[in-house]
Amino acid sequence: MTPPSSDAAPAASQPSLPRVLLVDDEPAILDGLRRHLRRSFEVATAVGGVEALQLMETSEPFAAVLSDMRMPAMDGAAFLALVRERHPDTVRMLLTGQSDMESTIAAINDGQIYRFLAKPCPGSTVEAALHDAVELHQQISAERDALRAMREGGRPQGGDAQAPAASTPLTLGDKLAAIRSTTRASQRLQ
């Protein structure tokens, strides 16, 4: 388990970098990705799903997690399904070199995978996908905060609908639907 890289620490005047977690059973792959991504992200790595879940439970939240599919003890599909359950706001991505369509479909459906990347995958492609995932995470977080404010403050601005009950958990699907609705409303106003 590698904590977020210290060489990615931004200067005091710069905003903090988005936190991402890379999970693979091959340390060389993790090292190469960390070196490529360290200027854009605060990168943490874990060698396997069990180690990654322990890291996620004991550290600050991650905006995104990128996991290999084939790993011993816990494959990427099982790991990402647990991430979905325990850390629903973390955007989940799968990186795999296998062509087993059945397990890939299971990973996408069970873990609600945001993006699927095939090995070999250039570092620039991984970086672009992580930037997209961080942007989605920021949108989800902003929408969650807006929904929370509506719950606490009563009715949403400009509408008659009641906000959902405070005890209702939001799924990734709920969050994405709310983001799409907000985006469409914003586009109509422009």
Protein backbone atom coordinates (compact mmCIF):
# COMPACT_ATOMS: atom_id res chain seq x y z
CA MET A 1 0.00 0.00 0.00
CA THR A 2 1.44 3.32 -1.03
CA PRO A 3 0.06 6.46 0.57
CA PRO A 4 -0.48 9.47 -1.65
CA SER A 5 2.83 10.47 -3.20
CA SER A 6 4.57 13.29 -1.38
CA ASP A 7 6.17 14.57 -4.59
CA ALA A 8 2.67 15.52 -5.76
CA ALA A 9 2.24 18.00 -2.93
CA PRO A 10 1.20 21.34 -4.41
CA ALA A 11 2.71 24.65 -3.42
CA ALA A 12 0.90 26.52 -0.64
CA SER A 13 -0.66 28.98 -3.09
CA GLN A 14 -2.03 26.26 -5.39
CA PRO A 15 -5.23 24.33 -4.74
CA SER A 16 -4.82 20.73 -3.62
CA LEU A 17 -4.68 18.03 -6.25
CA PRO A 18 -7.58 15.58 -6.67
CA ARG A 19 -7.05 12.28 -4.85
CA VAL A 20 -7.03 9.10 -6.94
CA LEU A 21 -6.39 5.48 -6.01
CA LEU A 22 -4.74 3.01 -8.38
CA VAL A 23 -5.20 -0.71 -7.70
CA ASP A 24 -3.27 -3.48 -9.43
CA ASP A 25 -1.40 -6.61 -8.39
CA GLU A 26 1.64 -5.58 -10.45
CA PRO A 27 3.79 -3.00 -8.59
CA ALA A 28 5.65 -2.04 -11.78
CA ILE A 29 2.39 -0.93 -13.42
CA LEU A 30 1.44 1.05 -10.32
CA ASP A 31 4.87 2.73 -10.22
CA GLY A 32 4.70 3.69 -13.90
CA LEU A 33 1.20 5.13 -13.58
CA ARG A 34 2.09 7.00 -10.39
CA ARG A 35 5.11 8.61 -12.06
CA HIS A 36 2.99 9.67 -15.04
CA LEU A 37 0.08 11.02 -12.95
CA ARG A 38 1.83 12.62 -9.97
CA ARG A 39 1.78 16.17 -11.35
CA SER A 40 -1.97 16.14 -11.96
CA PHE A 41 -3.23 14.06 -9.03
CA GLU A 42 -2.49 13.08 -5.47
CA VAL A 43 -1.87 9.41 -6.23
CA ALA A 44 -2.18 6.51 -3.81
CA THR A 45 -1.64 2.90 -4.80
CA ALA A 46 -2.63 -0.48 -3.46
CA VAL A 47 -1.51 -3.95 -4.49
CA GLY A 48 -4.91 -5.64 -4.58
CA GLY A 49 -8.49 -5.01 -3.58
CA VAL A 50 -8.20 -5.94 0.09
CA GLU A 51 -5.34 -3.49 0.61
CA ALA A 52 -7.21 -0.80 -1.33
CA LEU A 53 -10.36 -1.17 0.80
CA GLN A 54 -8.25 -0.85 3.96
CA LEU A 55 -6.66 2.32 2.58
CA MET A 56 -10.05 3.76 1.62
CA GLU A 57 -11.39 3.15 5.14
CA THR A 58 -8.45 4.86 6.84
CA SER A 59 -7.78 7.87 4.63
CA GLU A 60 -9.47 10.91 3.18
CA PRO A 61 -11.98 10.18 0.38
CA PHE A 62 -10.79 9.56 -3.17
CA ALA A 63 -12.41 11.25 -6.14
CA ALA A 64 -11.72 8.24 -8.37
CA VAL A 65 -10.40 4.71 -8.22
CA LEU A 66 -8.87 2.83 -11.15
CA SER A 67 -8.62 -0.92 -10.68
CA ASP A 68 -7.18 -3.77 -12.68
CA MET A 69 -9.65 -6.60 -13.33
CA ARG A 70 -7.51 -9.70 -12.74
CA MET A 71 -6.02 -9.73 -9.26
CA PRO A 72 -5.57 -12.56 -6.76
CA ALA A 73 -7.85 -12.80 -3.70
CA MET A 74 -10.34 -10.23 -5.03
CA ASP A 75 -10.87 -9.36 -8.68
CA GLY A 76 -11.64 -5.88 -9.93
CA ALA A 77 -15.37 -6.56 -10.30
CA ALA A 78 -15.75 -7.62 -6.66
CA PHE A 79 -13.53 -4.78 -5.45
CA LEU A 80 -15.39 -2.08 -7.40
CA ALA A 81 -18.76 -3.45 -6.27
CA LEU A 82 -17.59 -3.04 -2.66
CA VAL A 83 -16.32 0.47 -3.42
CA ARG A 84 -19.75 1.30 -4.84
CA GLU A 85 -21.38 0.04 -1.65
CA ARG A 86 -18.99 1.64 0.85
CA HIS A 87 -17.91 4.80 -1.02
CA PRO A 88 -20.70 5.58 -3.51
CA ASP A 89 -19.37 9.04 -4.39
CA THR A 90 -16.02 7.66 -5.56
CA VAL A 91 -16.02 7.32 -9.35
CA ARG A 92 -15.01 3.81 -10.37
CA MET A 93 -12.98 2.81 -13.44
CA LEU A 94 -11.71 -0.55 -14.67
CA LEU A 95 -8.42 -1.26 -16.45
CA THR A 96 -7.99 -4.72 -17.90
CA GLY A 97 -6.06 -6.68 -20.47
CA GLN A 98 -8.41 -9.62 -20.45
CA SER A 99 -10.98 -10.26 -23.11
CA ASP A 100 -13.42 -12.20 -20.92
CA MET A 101 -16.61 -10.37 -21.85
CA GLU A 102 -18.75 -12.01 -19.16
CA SER A 103 -16.61 -10.84 -16.23
CA THR A 104 -16.21 -7.40 -17.79
CA ILE A 105 -19.98 -7.01 -18.11
CA ALA A 106 -20.38 -8.14 -14.50
CA ALA A 107 -17.82 -5.55 -13.39
CA ILE A 108 -19.59 -2.79 -15.27
CA ASN A 109 -23.05 -3.75 -14.00
CA ASP A 110 -22.20 -4.69 -10.39
CA GLY A 111 -19.75 -1.87 -9.78
CA GLN A 112 -21.48 0.76 -11.90
CA ILE A 113 -18.20 1.43 -13.66
CA TYR A 114 -17.84 4.91 -15.11
CA ARG A 115 -15.20 4.00 -17.65
CA PHE A 116 -13.54 0.86 -18.99
CA LEU A 117 -9.92 1.06 -20.22
CA ALA A 118 -8.16 -1.76 -22.09
CA LYS A 119 -4.51 -2.68 -21.56
CA PRO A 120 -2.15 -1.66 -22.89
CA CYS A 121 -3.40 1.85 -22.24
CA PRO A 122 -1.21 4.92 -22.80
CA GLY A 123 -0.59 7.06 -19.72
CA SER A 124 -2.14 10.06 -21.45
CA THR A 125 -5.39 8.11 -21.95
CA VAL A 126 -5.44 7.09 -18.28
CA GLU A 127 -4.76 10.69 -17.26
CA ALA A 128 -7.57 12.05 -19.45
CA ALA A 129 -10.00 9.43 -18.13
CA LEU A 130 -9.06 10.29 -14.52
CA HIS A 131 -9.56 14.01 -15.22
CA ASP A 132 -13.05 13.17 -16.54
CA ALA A 133 -13.73 11.02 -13.46
CA VAL A 134 -12.63 13.81 -11.12
CA GLU A 135 -14.91 16.24 -12.96
CA LEU A 136 -17.82 13.82 -12.55
CA HIS A 137 -16.96 13.41 -8.85
CA GLN A 138 -17.02 17.20 -8.42
CA GLN A 139 -20.42 17.40 -10.13
CA ILE A 140 -21.79 14.58 -7.97
CA SER A 141 -20.47 16.25 -4.82
CA ALA A 142 -21.92 19.63 -5.80
CA GLU A 143 -25.29 18.08 -6.58
CA ARG A 144 -25.27 16.12 -3.30
CA ASP A 145 -24.52 19.33 -1.42
CA ALA A 146 -27.33 21.14 -3.27
CA LEU A 147 -29.78 18.34 -2.50
CA ARG A 148 -28.70 18.36 1.14
CA ALA A 149 -29.26 22.12 1.29
CA MET A 150 -32.72 21.68 -0.25
CA ARG A 151 -33.55 19.01 2.33
CA GLU A 152 -32.48 21.24 5.17
CA GLY A 153 -33.99 24.40 3.76
CA GLY A 154 -37.32 23.09 2.53
CA ARG A 155 -38.30 23.44 -1.09
CA PRO A 156 -35.84 23.70 -3.96
CA GLN A 157 -35.48 27.11 -5.58
CA GLY A 158 -37.94 27.79 -8.38
CA GLY A 159 -40.06 24.68 -7.89
CA ASP A 160 -42.98 23.29 -5.97
CA ALA A 161 -41.65 19.75 -5.54
CA GLN A 162 -40.78 18.58 -2.09
CA ALA A 163 -37.17 17.61 -1.48
CA PRO A 164 -36.64 13.91 -0.73
CA ALA A 165 -36.60 12.82 2.88
CA ALA A 166 -33.27 13.37 4.63
CA SER A 167 -32.91 9.65 5.34
CA THR A 168 -33.15 8.67 1.65
CA PRO A 169 -29.68 7.63 0.43
CA LEU A 170 -28.67 8.89 -3.00
CA THR A 171 -27.38 6.35 -5.50
CA LEU A 172 -24.97 7.17 -8.29
CA GLY A 173 -27.92 6.89 -10.68
CA ASP A 174 -29.90 9.45 -8.63
CA LYS A 175 -26.92 11.78 -8.64
CA LEU A 176 -26.33 11.44 -12.38
CA ALA A 177 -30.03 12.07 -13.08
CA ALA A 178 -29.94 15.19 -10.91
CA ILE A 179 -26.78 16.41 -12.65
CA ARG A 180 -28.35 15.86 -16.09
CA SER A 181 -31.48 17.71 -15.00
CA THR A 182 -29.46 20.61 -13.62
CA THR A 183 -27.33 20.73 -16.78
CA ARG A 184 -30.40 20.78 -19.04
CA ALA A 185 -32.00 23.54 -16.95
CA SER A 186 -28.76 25.54 -17.07
CA GLN A 187 -28.53 25.14 -20.86
CA ARG A 188 -32.12 26.37 -21.29
CA LEU A 189 -31.28 29.51 -19.33
CA GLN A 190 -28.34 30.37 -21.59
